[in-house]
Amino acid sequence: MLKRNNRLSKNKDFDNVFQNGRSSYHKSLSVKLIPNNLEYNRFGILVGLKVSKKATVRNKIKRQLRAAIRLEEPFLKKGYDCVLVIFPLILANNYEEIKAALEFSFKRLHFYQD
């Protein structure tokens, strides 16, 4: 579970990231990133009904992504809002492939510390 201050929760924050953020696309997920002028990162995960009609499946995907983010957090730059949009092709992936896709997108956005 991500700490409360590391979560995006307000619609205006999501809208700001979507309107002004930089994007990286993978076949199973999309990452949008924007600076937030804070000392910490905030993450939002969007898994829609198109991915699966079952809430248990959607929640499992969110748990896997949160676990991958938690492991990568110490190596990421600070002060960004990040939104992950999940595509239906993620259902064919296991945890390791999901983590690799997330790392790929973070590298493309230069989100890792130098």
N, C-alpha and C. Protein backbone atom coordinates (compact mmCIF):
# COMPACT_ATOMS: atom_id res chain seq x y z
N MET A 1 0.83 -1.18 0.00
CA MET A 1 0.00 0.00 0.00
C MET A 1 0.88 1.25 0.00
N LEU A 2 0.54 2.19 -0.81
CA LEU A 2 1.26 3.45 -0.83
C LEU A 2 0.78 4.33 0.33
N LYS A 3 1.67 5.12 0.88
CA LYS A 3 1.28 6.04 1.94
C LYS A 3 0.26 7.04 1.39
N ARG A 4 -0.53 7.58 2.27
CA ARG A 4 -1.60 8.50 1.84
C ARG A 4 -1.05 9.70 1.09
N ASN A 5 0.08 10.25 1.54
CA ASN A 5 0.61 11.43 0.85
C ASN A 5 1.26 11.07 -0.49
N ASN A 6 1.43 9.77 -0.78
CA ASN A 6 1.99 9.34 -2.06
C ASN A 6 0.91 8.93 -3.05
N ARG A 7 -0.34 9.28 -2.77
CA ARG A 7 -1.43 8.92 -3.67
C ARG A 7 -2.08 10.16 -4.27
N LEU A 8 -2.43 10.08 -5.53
CA LEU A 8 -3.25 11.12 -6.16
C LEU A 8 -4.70 10.76 -5.88
N SER A 9 -5.49 11.72 -5.41
CA SER A 9 -6.88 11.40 -5.12
C SER A 9 -7.87 12.40 -5.70
N LYS A 10 -7.46 13.61 -5.92
CA LYS A 10 -8.38 14.63 -6.40
C LYS A 10 -8.46 14.64 -7.93
N ASN A 11 -9.66 14.85 -8.44
CA ASN A 11 -9.86 14.89 -9.89
C ASN A 11 -9.04 16.00 -10.54
N LYS A 12 -8.89 17.14 -9.88
CA LYS A 12 -8.12 18.24 -10.48
C LYS A 12 -6.65 17.86 -10.65
N ASP A 13 -6.12 17.03 -9.74
CA ASP A 13 -4.74 16.57 -9.88
C ASP A 13 -4.60 15.63 -11.08
N PHE A 14 -5.55 14.71 -11.24
CA PHE A 14 -5.54 13.81 -12.40
C PHE A 14 -5.67 14.61 -13.69
N ASP A 15 -6.60 15.58 -13.71
CA ASP A 15 -6.80 16.40 -14.91
C ASP A 15 -5.54 17.18 -15.27
N ASN A 16 -4.85 17.71 -14.27
CA ASN A 16 -3.61 18.45 -14.51
C ASN A 16 -2.56 17.56 -15.15
N VAL A 17 -2.43 16.33 -14.66
CA VAL A 17 -1.44 15.41 -15.23
C VAL A 17 -1.81 15.07 -16.67
N PHE A 18 -3.10 14.81 -16.92
CA PHE A 18 -3.52 14.45 -18.27
C PHE A 18 -3.35 15.61 -19.26
N GLN A 19 -3.60 16.83 -18.83
CA GLN A 19 -3.53 17.97 -19.74
C GLN A 19 -2.10 18.43 -19.99
N ASN A 20 -1.24 18.36 -18.97
CA ASN A 20 0.08 18.97 -19.08
C ASN A 20 1.25 18.00 -18.98
N GLY A 21 0.98 16.73 -18.71
CA GLY A 21 2.06 15.78 -18.45
C GLY A 21 2.71 15.20 -19.70
N ARG A 22 3.92 14.65 -19.50
CA ARG A 22 4.61 13.92 -20.55
C ARG A 22 4.16 12.47 -20.50
N SER A 23 4.16 11.79 -21.65
CA SER A 23 3.62 10.43 -21.72
C SER A 23 4.64 9.43 -22.23
N SER A 24 4.46 8.20 -21.79
CA SER A 24 5.19 7.06 -22.32
C SER A 24 4.21 5.91 -22.43
N TYR A 25 4.19 5.26 -23.58
CA TYR A 25 3.23 4.19 -23.81
C TYR A 25 3.94 2.86 -23.98
N HIS A 26 3.35 1.85 -23.41
CA HIS A 26 3.77 0.46 -23.56
C HIS A 26 2.52 -0.28 -24.00
N LYS A 27 2.65 -1.51 -24.48
CA LYS A 27 1.47 -2.21 -24.96
C LYS A 27 0.47 -2.53 -23.85
N SER A 28 0.93 -2.58 -22.59
CA SER A 28 0.02 -2.92 -21.50
C SER A 28 -0.30 -1.76 -20.55
N LEU A 29 0.46 -0.66 -20.63
CA LEU A 29 0.17 0.48 -19.76
C LEU A 29 0.72 1.76 -20.33
N SER A 30 0.20 2.86 -19.81
CA SER A 30 0.64 4.20 -20.18
C SER A 30 1.01 4.94 -18.91
N VAL A 31 2.08 5.72 -18.95
CA VAL A 31 2.51 6.50 -17.80
C VAL A 31 2.53 7.97 -18.20
N LYS A 32 1.91 8.81 -17.37
CA LYS A 32 1.94 10.25 -17.57
C LYS A 32 2.59 10.87 -16.35
N LEU A 33 3.43 11.89 -16.59
CA LEU A 33 4.29 12.43 -15.53
C LEU A 33 4.33 13.95 -15.63
N ILE A 34 4.29 14.61 -14.46
CA ILE A 34 4.39 16.07 -14.41
C ILE A 34 5.00 16.48 -13.07
N PRO A 35 5.85 17.52 -13.03
CA PRO A 35 6.38 18.00 -11.74
C PRO A 35 5.25 18.55 -10.86
N ASN A 36 5.38 18.36 -9.53
CA ASN A 36 4.32 18.80 -8.63
C ASN A 36 4.77 19.80 -7.57
N ASN A 37 6.05 20.20 -7.56
CA ASN A 37 6.59 21.18 -6.60
C ASN A 37 6.45 20.73 -5.15
N LEU A 38 6.47 19.43 -4.90
CA LEU A 38 6.47 18.88 -3.55
C LEU A 38 7.77 18.12 -3.33
N GLU A 39 8.00 17.66 -2.12
CA GLU A 39 9.22 16.93 -1.78
C GLU A 39 9.07 15.43 -2.01
N TYR A 40 7.92 14.98 -2.50
CA TYR A 40 7.66 13.56 -2.66
C TYR A 40 6.84 13.33 -3.93
N ASN A 41 6.80 12.09 -4.38
CA ASN A 41 6.03 11.72 -5.57
C ASN A 41 4.63 11.29 -5.17
N ARG A 42 3.69 11.50 -6.09
CA ARG A 42 2.32 11.01 -5.89
C ARG A 42 1.94 10.19 -7.12
N PHE A 43 1.26 9.07 -6.87
CA PHE A 43 0.90 8.15 -7.94
C PHE A 43 -0.60 7.92 -7.97
N GLY A 44 -1.14 7.77 -9.17
CA GLY A 44 -2.53 7.38 -9.36
C GLY A 44 -2.58 6.25 -10.37
N ILE A 45 -3.44 5.26 -10.12
CA ILE A 45 -3.55 4.10 -10.99
C ILE A 45 -4.99 4.00 -11.48
N LEU A 46 -5.17 3.96 -12.80
CA LEU A 46 -6.49 3.85 -13.40
C LEU A 46 -6.63 2.51 -14.12
N VAL A 47 -7.52 1.67 -13.61
CA VAL A 47 -7.82 0.38 -14.23
C VAL A 47 -9.31 0.38 -14.50
N GLY A 48 -9.69 0.52 -15.77
CA GLY A 48 -11.09 0.65 -16.12
C GLY A 48 -11.80 -0.67 -16.32
N LEU A 49 -13.10 -0.58 -16.57
CA LEU A 49 -13.92 -1.76 -16.80
C LEU A 49 -13.56 -2.47 -18.09
N LYS A 50 -12.89 -1.79 -19.01
CA LYS A 50 -12.48 -2.46 -20.25
C LYS A 50 -11.41 -3.50 -19.99
N VAL A 51 -10.64 -3.31 -18.91
CA VAL A 51 -9.60 -4.29 -18.56
C VAL A 51 -10.26 -5.57 -18.09
N SER A 52 -11.21 -5.45 -17.15
CA SER A 52 -11.96 -6.60 -16.67
C SER A 52 -13.22 -6.10 -15.97
N LYS A 53 -14.28 -6.83 -16.12
CA LYS A 53 -15.52 -6.48 -15.43
C LYS A 53 -15.45 -6.86 -13.95
N LYS A 54 -14.53 -7.75 -13.60
CA LYS A 54 -14.43 -8.24 -12.22
C LYS A 54 -13.54 -7.32 -11.39
N ALA A 55 -14.08 -6.84 -10.28
CA ALA A 55 -13.33 -5.95 -9.40
C ALA A 55 -12.12 -6.65 -8.81
N THR A 56 -12.21 -7.95 -8.57
CA THR A 56 -11.08 -8.67 -7.98
C THR A 56 -9.88 -8.67 -8.92
N VAL A 57 -10.13 -8.79 -10.21
CA VAL A 57 -9.05 -8.77 -11.20
C VAL A 57 -8.43 -7.38 -11.27
N ARG A 58 -9.28 -6.35 -11.31
CA ARG A 58 -8.77 -4.98 -11.36
C ARG A 58 -7.95 -4.65 -10.11
N ASN A 59 -8.43 -5.09 -8.95
CA ASN A 59 -7.71 -4.81 -7.70
C ASN A 59 -6.39 -5.56 -7.63
N LYS A 60 -6.34 -6.76 -8.18
CA LYS A 60 -5.09 -7.52 -8.21
C LYS A 60 -4.04 -6.77 -9.04
N ILE A 61 -4.46 -6.24 -10.17
CA ILE A 61 -3.55 -5.47 -11.02
C ILE A 61 -3.03 -4.24 -10.27
N LYS A 62 -3.93 -3.55 -9.57
CA LYS A 62 -3.51 -2.38 -8.79
C LYS A 62 -2.52 -2.76 -7.70
N ARG A 63 -2.75 -3.86 -7.02
CA ARG A 63 -1.84 -4.30 -5.97
C ARG A 63 -0.46 -4.62 -6.55
N GLN A 64 -0.43 -5.27 -7.70
CA GLN A 64 0.84 -5.59 -8.33
C GLN A 64 1.60 -4.32 -8.72
N LEU A 65 0.88 -3.35 -9.27
CA LEU A 65 1.52 -2.09 -9.66
C LEU A 65 2.02 -1.32 -8.45
N ARG A 66 1.24 -1.28 -7.38
CA ARG A 66 1.69 -0.60 -6.17
C ARG A 66 2.94 -1.25 -5.59
N ALA A 67 3.00 -2.57 -5.64
CA ALA A 67 4.18 -3.27 -5.14
C ALA A 67 5.40 -2.92 -6.00
N ALA A 68 5.23 -2.88 -7.31
CA ALA A 68 6.34 -2.53 -8.21
C ALA A 68 6.78 -1.08 -7.98
N ILE A 69 5.83 -0.18 -7.78
CA ILE A 69 6.16 1.23 -7.52
C ILE A 69 6.92 1.36 -6.21
N ARG A 70 6.47 0.64 -5.17
CA ARG A 70 7.11 0.71 -3.87
C ARG A 70 8.57 0.26 -3.95
N LEU A 71 8.86 -0.75 -4.78
CA LEU A 71 10.23 -1.20 -4.94
C LEU A 71 11.09 -0.21 -5.72
N GLU A 72 10.48 0.50 -6.66
CA GLU A 72 11.23 1.45 -7.50
C GLU A 72 11.33 2.84 -6.87
N GLU A 73 10.50 3.15 -5.90
CA GLU A 73 10.43 4.50 -5.32
C GLU A 73 11.78 5.06 -4.86
N PRO A 74 12.65 4.30 -4.20
CA PRO A 74 13.93 4.89 -3.77
C PRO A 74 14.82 5.35 -4.91
N PHE A 75 14.62 4.83 -6.10
CA PHE A 75 15.48 5.16 -7.24
C PHE A 75 14.89 6.24 -8.14
N LEU A 76 13.70 6.74 -7.83
CA LEU A 76 13.02 7.71 -8.67
C LEU A 76 13.33 9.14 -8.23
N LYS A 77 13.25 10.07 -9.18
CA LYS A 77 13.38 11.48 -8.85
C LYS A 77 12.20 11.88 -7.98
N LYS A 78 12.39 12.90 -7.15
CA LYS A 78 11.34 13.36 -6.23
C LYS A 78 10.62 14.57 -6.81
N GLY A 79 9.36 14.72 -6.41
CA GLY A 79 8.60 15.91 -6.80
C GLY A 79 7.81 15.77 -8.08
N TYR A 80 7.21 14.60 -8.31
CA TYR A 80 6.43 14.39 -9.53
C TYR A 80 5.07 13.77 -9.21
N ASP A 81 4.09 14.09 -10.04
CA ASP A 81 2.80 13.39 -10.05
C ASP A 81 2.84 12.42 -11.22
N CYS A 82 2.41 11.19 -10.98
CA CYS A 82 2.47 10.13 -11.99
C CYS A 82 1.13 9.41 -12.04
N VAL A 83 0.58 9.27 -13.23
CA VAL A 83 -0.66 8.53 -13.43
C VAL A 83 -0.38 7.36 -14.35
N LEU A 84 -0.81 6.17 -13.93
CA LEU A 84 -0.67 4.96 -14.74
C LEU A 84 -2.06 4.58 -15.26
N VAL A 85 -2.17 4.47 -16.57
CA VAL A 85 -3.41 4.04 -17.21
C VAL A 85 -3.17 2.64 -17.76
N ILE A 86 -4.02 1.69 -17.36
CA ILE A 86 -3.79 0.30 -17.68
C ILE A 86 -4.66 -0.12 -18.86
N PHE A 87 -4.06 -0.90 -19.78
CA PHE A 87 -4.75 -1.40 -20.96
C PHE A 87 -5.08 -2.88 -20.78
N PRO A 88 -6.08 -3.39 -21.50
CA PRO A 88 -6.50 -4.80 -21.33
C PRO A 88 -5.41 -5.84 -21.59
N LEU A 89 -4.40 -5.52 -22.38
CA LEU A 89 -3.34 -6.49 -22.65
C LEU A 89 -2.53 -6.86 -21.41
N ILE A 90 -2.70 -6.13 -20.33
CA ILE A 90 -1.96 -6.44 -19.10
C ILE A 90 -2.40 -7.76 -18.50
N LEU A 91 -3.60 -8.23 -18.84
CA LEU A 91 -4.10 -9.49 -18.29
C LEU A 91 -3.24 -10.69 -18.71
N ALA A 92 -2.55 -10.56 -19.83
CA ALA A 92 -1.71 -11.66 -20.32
C ALA A 92 -0.34 -11.67 -19.65
N ASN A 93 -0.05 -10.66 -18.81
CA ASN A 93 1.27 -10.53 -18.19
C ASN A 93 1.27 -11.04 -16.76
N ASN A 94 2.42 -11.54 -16.33
CA ASN A 94 2.59 -11.87 -14.92
C ASN A 94 3.24 -10.68 -14.23
N TYR A 95 3.53 -10.82 -12.92
CA TYR A 95 4.07 -9.70 -12.15
C TYR A 95 5.40 -9.21 -12.70
N GLU A 96 6.28 -10.12 -13.08
CA GLU A 96 7.60 -9.71 -13.58
C GLU A 96 7.48 -8.90 -14.87
N GLU A 97 6.57 -9.28 -15.75
CA GLU A 97 6.37 -8.54 -17.00
C GLU A 97 5.75 -7.18 -16.73
N ILE A 98 4.85 -7.10 -15.75
CA ILE A 98 4.25 -5.82 -15.39
C ILE A 98 5.33 -4.89 -14.83
N LYS A 99 6.17 -5.42 -13.97
CA LYS A 99 7.26 -4.62 -13.39
C LYS A 99 8.23 -4.15 -14.48
N ALA A 100 8.53 -5.01 -15.43
CA ALA A 100 9.43 -4.64 -16.53
C ALA A 100 8.81 -3.55 -17.39
N ALA A 101 7.51 -3.63 -17.65
CA ALA A 101 6.83 -2.60 -18.43
C ALA A 101 6.86 -1.26 -17.71
N LEU A 102 6.67 -1.29 -16.40
CA LEU A 102 6.72 -0.06 -15.60
C LEU A 102 8.11 0.55 -15.63
N GLU A 103 9.14 -0.27 -15.45
CA GLU A 103 10.52 0.21 -15.50
C GLU A 103 10.85 0.79 -16.87
N PHE A 104 10.39 0.14 -17.94
CA PHE A 104 10.61 0.62 -19.30
C PHE A 104 10.03 2.03 -19.47
N SER A 105 8.80 2.22 -19.00
CA SER A 105 8.15 3.52 -19.14
C SER A 105 8.84 4.58 -18.30
N PHE A 106 9.25 4.22 -17.08
CA PHE A 106 9.97 5.18 -16.24
C PHE A 106 11.30 5.59 -16.88
N LYS A 107 11.99 4.65 -17.48
CA LYS A 107 13.27 4.97 -18.15
C LYS A 107 13.05 5.89 -19.34
N ARG A 108 12.00 5.65 -20.10
CA ARG A 108 11.73 6.50 -21.27
C ARG A 108 11.42 7.93 -20.86
N LEU A 109 10.82 8.10 -19.67
CA LEU A 109 10.49 9.45 -19.19
C LEU A 109 11.62 10.07 -18.36
N HIS A 110 12.76 9.37 -18.26
CA HIS A 110 13.91 9.84 -17.46
C HIS A 110 13.47 10.15 -16.03
N PHE A 111 12.72 9.23 -15.45
CA PHE A 111 12.18 9.40 -14.10
C PHE A 111 13.12 8.86 -13.04
N TYR A 112 14.15 8.15 -13.45
CA TYR A 112 15.13 7.62 -12.48
C TYR A 112 16.17 8.69 -12.16
N GLN A 113 16.68 8.62 -10.92
CA GLN A 113 17.73 9.55 -10.51
C GLN A 113 19.01 9.25 -11.31
N ASP A 114 19.81 10.27 -11.53
CA ASP A 114 21.05 10.09 -12.28
C ASP A 114 22.13 9.46 -11.44
